């Protein structure tokens, strides 16, 4: 699907920004947003710009630490070849 980007987080990283659980940020057509993370804000949904920015920064860090989409595809293809 063209609207999906897949990136693999290397397991060799001892610590990364995603160790505290998944992050969800939903942005709506009317410009509002809501987010949630198991490891931030006690897992409660947030909608303040400051709290959403924290989740977005953490998500950006996760993407920066992960393999690129092309590297991720190659990794998955190699792993599937081993099966």
C-alpha atoms as a PDB file:
ATOM      1  CA  UNK A   1       0.000   0.000   0.000  1.00  0.00           C
ATOM      2  CA  UNK A   2       1.378   3.405  -0.900  1.00  0.00           C
ATOM      3  CA  UNK A   3       0.348   5.019   2.379  1.00  0.00           C
ATOM      4  CA  UNK A   4       2.283   2.510   4.515  1.00  0.00           C
ATOM      5  CA  UNK A   5       5.966   2.721   5.382  1.00  0.00           C
ATOM      6  CA  UNK A   6       7.512  -0.256   7.107  1.00  0.00           C
ATOM      7  CA  UNK A   7      10.669   0.083   9.176  1.00  0.00           C
ATOM      8  CA  UNK A   8      12.332  -2.629  11.275  1.00  0.00           C
ATOM      9  CA  UNK A   9      13.897  -1.790  14.633  1.00  0.00           C
ATOM     10  CA  UNK A  10      17.175  -3.700  15.018  1.00  0.00           C
ATOM     11  CA  UNK A  11      17.160  -5.945  18.064  1.00  0.00           C
ATOM     12  CA  UNK A  12      20.845  -5.201  18.625  1.00  0.00           C
ATOM     13  CA  UNK A  13      19.931  -1.784  20.054  1.00  0.00           C
ATOM     14  CA  UNK A  14      19.932  -2.112  23.832  1.00  0.00           C
ATOM     15  CA  UNK A  15      17.767   0.940  24.349  1.00  0.00           C
ATOM     16  CA  UNK A  16      15.593   2.854  21.966  1.00  0.00           C
ATOM     17  CA  UNK A  17      12.731   5.300  22.186  1.00  0.00           C
ATOM     18  CA  UNK A  18      10.141   2.556  21.689  1.00  0.00           C
ATOM     19  CA  UNK A  19      10.936   0.465  24.751  1.00  0.00           C
ATOM     20  CA  UNK A  20       8.149   2.119  26.736  1.00  0.00           C
ATOM     21  CA  UNK A  21       5.403   0.762  24.500  1.00  0.00           C
ATOM     22  CA  UNK A  22       3.562   1.698  21.376  1.00  0.00           C
ATOM     23  CA  UNK A  23       2.726   5.247  20.378  1.00  0.00           C
ATOM     24  CA  UNK A  24      -0.481   6.265  18.661  1.00  0.00           C
ATOM     25  CA  UNK A  25      -1.211   9.721  17.314  1.00  0.00           C
ATOM     26  CA  UNK A  26      -4.409  10.293  15.361  1.00  0.00           C
ATOM     27  CA  UNK A  27      -4.782  13.476  13.330  1.00  0.00           C
ATOM     28  CA  UNK A  28      -8.234  14.423  12.115  1.00  0.00           C
ATOM     29  CA  UNK A  29      -9.385  16.437   9.105  1.00  0.00           C
ATOM     30  CA  UNK A  30     -10.611  19.277  11.338  1.00  0.00           C
ATOM     31  CA  UNK A  31      -7.033  19.823  12.590  1.00  0.00           C
ATOM     32  CA  UNK A  32      -7.471  18.215  16.005  1.00  0.00           C
ATOM     33  CA  UNK A  33      -5.267  15.392  17.260  1.00  0.00           C
ATOM     34  CA  UNK A  34      -5.247  12.857  20.058  1.00  0.00           C
ATOM     35  CA  UNK A  35      -2.434  10.578  21.155  1.00  0.00           C
ATOM     36  CA  UNK A  36      -1.617   7.793  23.561  1.00  0.00           C
ATOM     37  CA  UNK A  37       1.432   5.849  24.670  1.00  0.00           C
ATOM     38  CA  UNK A  38       1.698   3.052  27.206  1.00  0.00           C
ATOM     39  CA  UNK A  39       4.897   4.578  28.584  1.00  0.00           C
ATOM     40  CA  UNK A  40       3.943   8.242  28.704  1.00  0.00           C
ATOM     41  CA  UNK A  41       1.327  10.195  30.635  1.00  0.00           C
ATOM     42  CA  UNK A  42       0.317   7.057  32.558  1.00  0.00           C
ATOM     43  CA  UNK A  43      -1.120   5.609  29.356  1.00  0.00           C
ATOM     44  CA  UNK A  44      -3.957   8.122  29.237  1.00  0.00           C
ATOM     45  CA  UNK A  45      -5.048   9.792  25.988  1.00  0.00           C
ATOM     46  CA  UNK A  46      -3.632  13.287  25.481  1.00  0.00           C
ATOM     47  CA  UNK A  47      -4.623  16.158  23.231  1.00  0.00           C
ATOM     48  CA  UNK A  48      -2.637  19.178  24.406  1.00  0.00           C
ATOM     49  CA  UNK A  49      -0.114  20.415  21.820  1.00  0.00           C
ATOM     50  CA  UNK A  50       2.775  20.034  24.304  1.00  0.00           C
ATOM     51  CA  UNK A  51       1.952  16.413  25.147  1.00  0.00           C
ATOM     52  CA  UNK A  52       1.320  15.518  21.501  1.00  0.00           C
ATOM     53  CA  UNK A  53       4.683  17.050  20.587  1.00  0.00           C
ATOM     54  CA  UNK A  54       6.409  14.766  23.112  1.00  0.00           C
ATOM     55  CA  UNK A  55       4.797  11.715  21.474  1.00  0.00           C
ATOM     56  CA  UNK A  56       5.688  12.959  17.990  1.00  0.00           C
ATOM     57  CA  UNK A  57       9.322  13.543  19.009  1.00  0.00           C
ATOM     58  CA  UNK A  58       9.540  10.037  20.482  1.00  0.00           C
ATOM     59  CA  UNK A  59       8.035   8.606  17.293  1.00  0.00           C
ATOM     60  CA  UNK A  60      10.573  10.561  15.219  1.00  0.00           C
ATOM     61  CA  UNK A  61      13.410   9.160  17.315  1.00  0.00           C
ATOM     62  CA  UNK A  62      12.110   5.610  16.806  1.00  0.00           C
ATOM     63  CA  UNK A  63      12.025   6.143  13.031  1.00  0.00           C
ATOM     64  CA  UNK A  64      15.547   7.576  13.073  1.00  0.00           C
ATOM     65  CA  UNK A  65      16.877   4.564  14.997  1.00  0.00           C
ATOM     66  CA  UNK A  66      15.115   1.998  12.787  1.00  0.00           C
ATOM     67  CA  UNK A  67      16.386   0.632   9.509  1.00  0.00           C
ATOM     68  CA  UNK A  68      15.422   2.661   6.458  1.00  0.00           C
ATOM     69  CA  UNK A  69      12.412   1.390   4.504  1.00  0.00           C
ATOM     70  CA  UNK A  70      14.734  -0.111   1.855  1.00  0.00           C
ATOM     71  CA  UNK A  71      16.975  -1.734   4.495  1.00  0.00           C
ATOM     72  CA  UNK A  72      13.880  -3.013   6.292  1.00  0.00           C
ATOM     73  CA  UNK A  73      12.566  -4.625   3.123  1.00  0.00           C
ATOM     74  CA  UNK A  74      15.911  -6.339   2.531  1.00  0.00           C
ATOM     75  CA  UNK A  75      15.988  -7.519   6.158  1.00  0.00           C
ATOM     76  CA  UNK A  76      12.472  -8.988   5.886  1.00  0.00           C
ATOM     77  CA  UNK A  77      13.257 -10.690   2.569  1.00  0.00           C
ATOM     78  CA  UNK A  78      16.405 -12.228   4.065  1.00  0.00           C
ATOM     79  CA  UNK A  79      14.510 -13.405   7.137  1.00  0.00           C
ATOM     80  CA  UNK A  80      11.754 -14.933   4.985  1.00  0.00           C
ATOM     81  CA  UNK A  81      14.406 -16.689   2.905  1.00  0.00           C
ATOM     82  CA  UNK A  82      15.692 -18.386   6.059  1.00  0.00           C
ATOM     83  CA  UNK A  83      12.251 -19.779   6.839  1.00  0.00           C
END
